[in-house]
Amino acid sequence: RAPARTVLETTPVGSSSSLGAAERWHSTLMGQVRVIKLSTEARWGLDITLASPLLPWIVMHAAFLLNRFQPTSSGGAPYQVLQQHAYRSPLFIFAEPVMVRVPSAEEQGHMLERWISGISLGKTSASDSHIVGTAEGIVVSRAARVAPFDQQAKDCLLYTSDAADEED
């Protein structure tokens, strides 16, 4: 790649029109955040507040989706413009119950659990790995699959602040 040069510019105070592209991106991102938040609340009967641990993951997932699928003025999504092909990796719905392969599965004993349940929080941009919230914390893994139906409600409720508060 050719070396890039960064040029710093000072914008007039209170002039949002001079930052039009950034303002438009912010507006589109917040719209996507609202859609993911509302659909997650409707699907699971949750109230996702500003203090919810899910909210930062929703923002990250929304940005990931826009970078992969939102068409630009040139016609393709940013990912497609950079990579010269459309994004083709599988995605889960945000907060969908999934089973994720333990990253250390190959090094552990034969009788230990290799897949654990959790909820999908999105994917990483750098390695395209799945980010999953589990009872043990956040797990990042290349292998994930939809969880069996009987675990869905239990898994989703484990990772919301409201459910955690009710357990105490």
C-alpha atoms as a PDB file:
ATOM      1  CA  ARG A   1       0.000   0.000   0.000  1.00  0.00           C
ATOM      2  CA  ALA A   2       1.035   3.541  -0.621  1.00  0.00           C
ATOM      3  CA  PRO A   3       1.797   5.570   2.491  1.00  0.00           C
ATOM      4  CA  ALA A   4      -1.196   7.651   3.551  1.00  0.00           C
ATOM      5  CA  ARG A   5      -1.024  11.169   4.866  1.00  0.00           C
ATOM      6  CA  THR A   6      -3.395  12.553   7.481  1.00  0.00           C
ATOM      7  CA  VAL A   7      -4.436  16.173   7.171  1.00  0.00           C
ATOM      8  CA  LEU A   8      -5.959  17.774  10.267  1.00  0.00           C
ATOM      9  CA  GLU A   9      -8.529  20.487   9.647  1.00  0.00           C
ATOM     10  CA  THR A  10     -10.360  22.704  12.104  1.00  0.00           C
ATOM     11  CA  THR A  11     -14.082  23.030  11.470  1.00  0.00           C
ATOM     12  CA  PRO A  12     -16.146  26.060  12.412  1.00  0.00           C
ATOM     13  CA  VAL A  13     -17.844  25.796  15.814  1.00  0.00           C
ATOM     14  CA  GLY A  14     -21.490  24.690  15.502  1.00  0.00           C
ATOM     15  CA  SER A  15     -21.199  24.021  11.797  1.00  0.00           C
ATOM     16  CA  SER A  16     -22.596  20.553  11.236  1.00  0.00           C
ATOM     17  CA  SER A  17     -22.806  21.145   7.479  1.00  0.00           C
ATOM     18  CA  SER A  18     -19.007  21.128   7.260  1.00  0.00           C
ATOM     19  CA  LEU A  19     -19.090  17.621   8.725  1.00  0.00           C
ATOM     20  CA  GLY A  20     -21.905  16.366   6.490  1.00  0.00           C
ATOM     21  CA  ALA A  21     -20.543  12.905   5.739  1.00  0.00           C
ATOM     22  CA  ALA A  22     -19.728  12.222   9.394  1.00  0.00           C
ATOM     23  CA  GLU A  23     -23.120  13.553  10.511  1.00  0.00           C
ATOM     24  CA  ARG A  24     -24.884  11.363   7.940  1.00  0.00           C
ATOM     25  CA  TRP A  25     -22.904   8.290   9.060  1.00  0.00           C
ATOM     26  CA  HIS A  26     -23.789   9.001  12.691  1.00  0.00           C
ATOM     27  CA  SER A  27     -27.477   9.350  11.824  1.00  0.00           C
ATOM     28  CA  THR A  28     -27.463   6.079   9.860  1.00  0.00           C
ATOM     29  CA  LEU A  29     -25.597   4.276  12.643  1.00  0.00           C
ATOM     30  CA  MET A  30     -28.029   5.483  15.331  1.00  0.00           C
ATOM     31  CA  GLY A  31     -30.952   4.347  13.156  1.00  0.00           C
ATOM     32  CA  GLN A  32     -29.405   0.874  12.877  1.00  0.00           C
ATOM     33  CA  VAL A  33     -28.782   0.811  16.649  1.00  0.00           C
ATOM     34  CA  ARG A  34     -32.457   1.640  17.263  1.00  0.00           C
ATOM     35  CA  VAL A  35     -33.626  -1.140  14.938  1.00  0.00           C
ATOM     36  CA  ILE A  36     -31.405  -3.778  16.596  1.00  0.00           C
ATOM     37  CA  LYS A  37     -32.354  -2.591  20.101  1.00  0.00           C
ATOM     38  CA  LEU A  38     -36.099  -2.567  19.391  1.00  0.00           C
ATOM     39  CA  SER A  39     -36.082  -5.924  17.613  1.00  0.00           C
ATOM     40  CA  THR A  40     -34.115  -7.518  20.477  1.00  0.00           C
ATOM     41  CA  GLU A  41     -36.518  -6.045  23.037  1.00  0.00           C
ATOM     42  CA  ALA A  42     -39.563  -7.256  21.076  1.00  0.00           C
ATOM     43  CA  ARG A  43     -38.177 -10.732  20.469  1.00  0.00           C
ATOM     44  CA  TRP A  44     -37.191 -11.363  24.098  1.00  0.00           C
ATOM     45  CA  GLY A  45     -39.522  -9.077  26.052  1.00  0.00           C
ATOM     46  CA  LEU A  46     -36.590  -7.109  27.471  1.00  0.00           C
ATOM     47  CA  ASP A  47     -36.077  -3.450  28.288  1.00  0.00           C
ATOM     48  CA  ILE A  48     -32.577  -2.530  27.098  1.00  0.00           C
ATOM     49  CA  THR A  49     -31.594   0.646  28.952  1.00  0.00           C
ATOM     50  CA  LEU A  50     -28.570   2.888  28.519  1.00  0.00           C
ATOM     51  CA  ALA A  51     -26.941   1.015  31.420  1.00  0.00           C
ATOM     52  CA  SER A  52     -27.495  -2.401  29.812  1.00  0.00           C
ATOM     53  CA  PRO A  53     -24.339  -4.388  29.059  1.00  0.00           C
ATOM     54  CA  LEU A  54     -25.906  -5.233  25.680  1.00  0.00           C
ATOM     55  CA  LEU A  55     -25.953  -1.636  24.397  1.00  0.00           C
ATOM     56  CA  PRO A  56     -22.231  -1.257  23.542  1.00  0.00           C
ATOM     57  CA  TRP A  57     -22.396  -4.589  21.688  1.00  0.00           C
ATOM     58  CA  ILE A  58     -25.443  -3.363  19.761  1.00  0.00           C
ATOM     59  CA  VAL A  59     -23.519  -0.261  18.640  1.00  0.00           C
ATOM     60  CA  MET A  60     -20.536  -2.362  17.566  1.00  0.00           C
ATOM     61  CA  HIS A  61     -22.759  -4.829  15.700  1.00  0.00           C
ATOM     62  CA  ALA A  62     -24.623  -1.992  13.963  1.00  0.00           C
ATOM     63  CA  ALA A  63     -21.335  -0.488  12.715  1.00  0.00           C
ATOM     64  CA  PHE A  64     -20.203  -3.932  11.539  1.00  0.00           C
ATOM     65  CA  LEU A  65     -23.437  -4.391   9.550  1.00  0.00           C
ATOM     66  CA  LEU A  66     -23.252  -0.942   7.952  1.00  0.00           C
ATOM     67  CA  ASN A  67     -19.636  -1.483   6.901  1.00  0.00           C
ATOM     68  CA  ARG A  68     -20.539  -4.819   5.317  1.00  0.00           C
ATOM     69  CA  PHE A  69     -23.928  -4.113   3.744  1.00  0.00           C
ATOM     70  CA  GLN A  70     -24.866  -0.399   3.537  1.00  0.00           C
ATOM     71  CA  PRO A  71     -24.439   0.768  -0.082  1.00  0.00           C
ATOM     72  CA  THR A  72     -22.375   3.917  -0.576  1.00  0.00           C
ATOM     73  CA  SER A  73     -22.635   6.532  -3.307  1.00  0.00           C
ATOM     74  CA  SER A  74     -20.228   4.411  -5.385  1.00  0.00           C
ATOM     75  CA  GLY A  75     -22.761   1.582  -5.331  1.00  0.00           C
ATOM     76  CA  GLY A  76     -21.037  -0.990  -3.131  1.00  0.00           C
ATOM     77  CA  ALA A  77     -20.718  -1.397   0.616  1.00  0.00           C
ATOM     78  CA  PRO A  78     -17.411  -0.214   2.149  1.00  0.00           C
ATOM     79  CA  TYR A  79     -16.322  -3.838   2.636  1.00  0.00           C
ATOM     80  CA  GLN A  80     -17.060  -4.655  -0.989  1.00  0.00           C
ATOM     81  CA  VAL A  81     -15.153  -1.618  -2.250  1.00  0.00           C
ATOM     82  CA  LEU A  82     -12.062  -2.540  -0.204  1.00  0.00           C
ATOM     83  CA  GLN A  83     -12.122  -6.322  -0.648  1.00  0.00           C
ATOM     84  CA  GLN A  84     -13.409  -6.407  -4.246  1.00  0.00           C
ATOM     85  CA  HIS A  85     -16.174  -8.877  -3.306  1.00  0.00           C
ATOM     86  CA  ALA A  86     -19.353  -8.896  -1.234  1.00  0.00           C
ATOM     87  CA  TYR A  87     -19.300 -10.086   2.373  1.00  0.00           C
ATOM     88  CA  ARG A  88     -20.251 -13.776   2.416  1.00  0.00           C
ATOM     89  CA  SER A  89     -19.607 -15.077   5.939  1.00  0.00           C
ATOM     90  CA  PRO A  90     -22.566 -16.310   7.986  1.00  0.00           C
ATOM     91  CA  LEU A  91     -24.083 -13.983  10.584  1.00  0.00           C
ATOM     92  CA  PHE A  92     -26.417 -14.520  13.516  1.00  0.00           C
ATOM     93  CA  ILE A  93     -29.220 -12.223  14.577  1.00  0.00           C
ATOM     94  CA  PHE A  94     -28.082 -10.035  17.478  1.00  0.00           C
ATOM     95  CA  ALA A  95     -28.727 -11.790  20.845  1.00  0.00           C
ATOM     96  CA  GLU A  96     -29.574 -15.054  19.091  1.00  0.00           C
ATOM     97  CA  PRO A  97     -28.796 -18.062  21.293  1.00  0.00           C
ATOM     98  CA  VAL A  98     -25.784 -19.887  19.877  1.00  0.00           C
ATOM     99  CA  MET A  99     -23.329 -22.609  20.740  1.00  0.00           C
ATOM    100  CA  VAL A 100     -19.691 -21.533  20.392  1.00  0.00           C
ATOM    101  CA  ARG A 101     -16.673 -23.791  20.173  1.00  0.00           C
ATOM    102  CA  VAL A 102     -14.281 -23.248  23.059  1.00  0.00           C
ATOM    103  CA  PRO A 103     -11.075 -21.745  21.606  1.00  0.00           C
ATOM    104  CA  SER A 104      -8.930 -24.187  23.606  1.00  0.00           C
ATOM    105  CA  ALA A 105     -10.995 -27.238  22.546  1.00  0.00           C
ATOM    106  CA  GLU A 106      -8.074 -28.901  20.767  1.00  0.00           C
ATOM    107  CA  GLU A 107      -5.812 -28.729  23.839  1.00  0.00           C
ATOM    108  CA  GLN A 108      -8.289 -29.991  26.422  1.00  0.00           C
ATOM    109  CA  GLY A 109      -9.188 -33.531  27.429  1.00  0.00           C
ATOM    110  CA  HIS A 110     -11.437 -35.690  25.291  1.00  0.00           C
ATOM    111  CA  MET A 111     -14.306 -35.774  27.785  1.00  0.00           C
ATOM    112  CA  LEU A 112     -14.521 -32.027  28.419  1.00  0.00           C
ATOM    113  CA  GLU A 113     -17.137 -29.779  26.850  1.00  0.00           C
ATOM    114  CA  ARG A 114     -16.054 -28.320  23.508  1.00  0.00           C
ATOM    115  CA  TRP A 115     -19.137 -26.212  22.808  1.00  0.00           C
ATOM    116  CA  ILE A 116     -20.746 -23.800  25.278  1.00  0.00           C
ATOM    117  CA  SER A 117     -23.989 -21.862  25.010  1.00  0.00           C
ATOM    118  CA  GLY A 118     -24.336 -18.109  24.908  1.00  0.00           C
ATOM    119  CA  ILE A 119     -25.783 -15.259  22.876  1.00  0.00           C
ATOM    120  CA  SER A 120     -24.380 -13.783  19.697  1.00  0.00           C
ATOM    121  CA  LEU A 121     -22.992 -10.282  20.187  1.00  0.00           C
ATOM    122  CA  GLY A 122     -21.623  -9.849  16.668  1.00  0.00           C
ATOM    123  CA  LYS A 123     -18.361 -10.502  14.840  1.00  0.00           C
ATOM    124  CA  THR A 124     -14.868  -9.069  14.959  1.00  0.00           C
ATOM    125  CA  SER A 125     -13.801  -6.908  12.048  1.00  0.00           C
ATOM    126  CA  ALA A 126     -10.185  -8.066  12.031  1.00  0.00           C
ATOM    127  CA  SER A 127     -10.571 -11.855  12.103  1.00  0.00           C
ATOM    128  CA  ASP A 128     -14.294 -12.248  11.299  1.00  0.00           C
ATOM    129  CA  SER A 129     -14.701 -14.386  14.428  1.00  0.00           C
ATOM    130  CA  HIS A 130     -17.962 -14.692  16.349  1.00  0.00           C
ATOM    131  CA  ILE A 131     -18.278 -12.755  19.612  1.00  0.00           C
ATOM    132  CA  VAL A 132     -20.457 -14.635  22.089  1.00  0.00           C
ATOM    133  CA  GLY A 133     -21.537 -13.715  25.605  1.00  0.00           C
ATOM    134  CA  THR A 134     -21.434 -16.782  27.865  1.00  0.00           C
ATOM    135  CA  ALA A 135     -21.915 -17.420  31.569  1.00  0.00           C
ATOM    136  CA  GLU A 136     -18.094 -17.442  31.850  1.00  0.00           C
ATOM    137  CA  GLY A 137     -17.670 -14.155  29.959  1.00  0.00           C
ATOM    138  CA  ILE A 138     -17.005 -13.145  26.361  1.00  0.00           C
ATOM    139  CA  VAL A 139     -15.745 -15.847  23.983  1.00  0.00           C
ATOM    140  CA  VAL A 140     -14.323 -15.103  20.536  1.00  0.00           C
ATOM    141  CA  SER A 141     -14.267 -18.080  18.192  1.00  0.00           C
ATOM    142  CA  ARG A 142     -14.359 -18.883  14.493  1.00  0.00           C
ATOM    143  CA  ALA A 143     -16.888 -21.703  15.057  1.00  0.00           C
ATOM    144  CA  ALA A 144     -20.460 -21.080  16.208  1.00  0.00           C
ATOM    145  CA  ARG A 145     -23.882 -22.544  15.469  1.00  0.00           C
ATOM    146  CA  VAL A 146     -27.493 -21.895  16.429  1.00  0.00           C
ATOM    147  CA  ALA A 147     -28.296 -23.196  19.922  1.00  0.00           C
ATOM    148  CA  PRO A 148     -30.941 -25.850  20.548  1.00  0.00           C
ATOM    149  CA  PHE A 149     -34.363 -24.293  21.102  1.00  0.00           C
ATOM    150  CA  ASP A 150     -34.727 -25.356  24.746  1.00  0.00           C
ATOM    151  CA  GLN A 151     -31.770 -23.179  25.799  1.00  0.00           C
ATOM    152  CA  GLN A 152     -32.824 -19.996  23.998  1.00  0.00           C
ATOM    153  CA  ALA A 153     -34.831 -18.115  26.631  1.00  0.00           C
ATOM    154  CA  LYS A 154     -32.507 -19.099  29.482  1.00  0.00           C
ATOM    155  CA  ASP A 155     -29.376 -18.075  27.575  1.00  0.00           C
ATOM    156  CA  CYS A 156     -30.726 -14.707  26.494  1.00  0.00           C
ATOM    157  CA  LEU A 157     -31.951 -13.708  29.930  1.00  0.00           C
ATOM    158  CA  LEU A 158     -28.623 -14.595  31.565  1.00  0.00           C
ATOM    159  CA  TYR A 159     -26.859 -11.724  29.818  1.00  0.00           C
ATOM    160  CA  THR A 160     -29.167  -8.789  30.506  1.00  0.00           C
ATOM    161  CA  SER A 161     -28.674  -6.431  33.396  1.00  0.00           C
ATOM    162  CA  ASP A 162     -32.358  -6.716  34.393  1.00  0.00           C
ATOM    163  CA  ALA A 163     -32.142 -10.515  34.723  1.00  0.00           C
ATOM    164  CA  ALA A 164     -28.851 -10.256  36.607  1.00  0.00           C
ATOM    165  CA  ASP A 165     -30.400  -7.777  39.055  1.00  0.00           C
ATOM    166  CA  GLU A 166     -33.370 -10.105  39.694  1.00  0.00           C
ATOM    167  CA  GLU A 167     -31.026 -13.001  40.580  1.00  0.00           C
ATOM    168  CA  ASP A 168     -29.349 -11.031  43.400  1.00  0.00           C
END
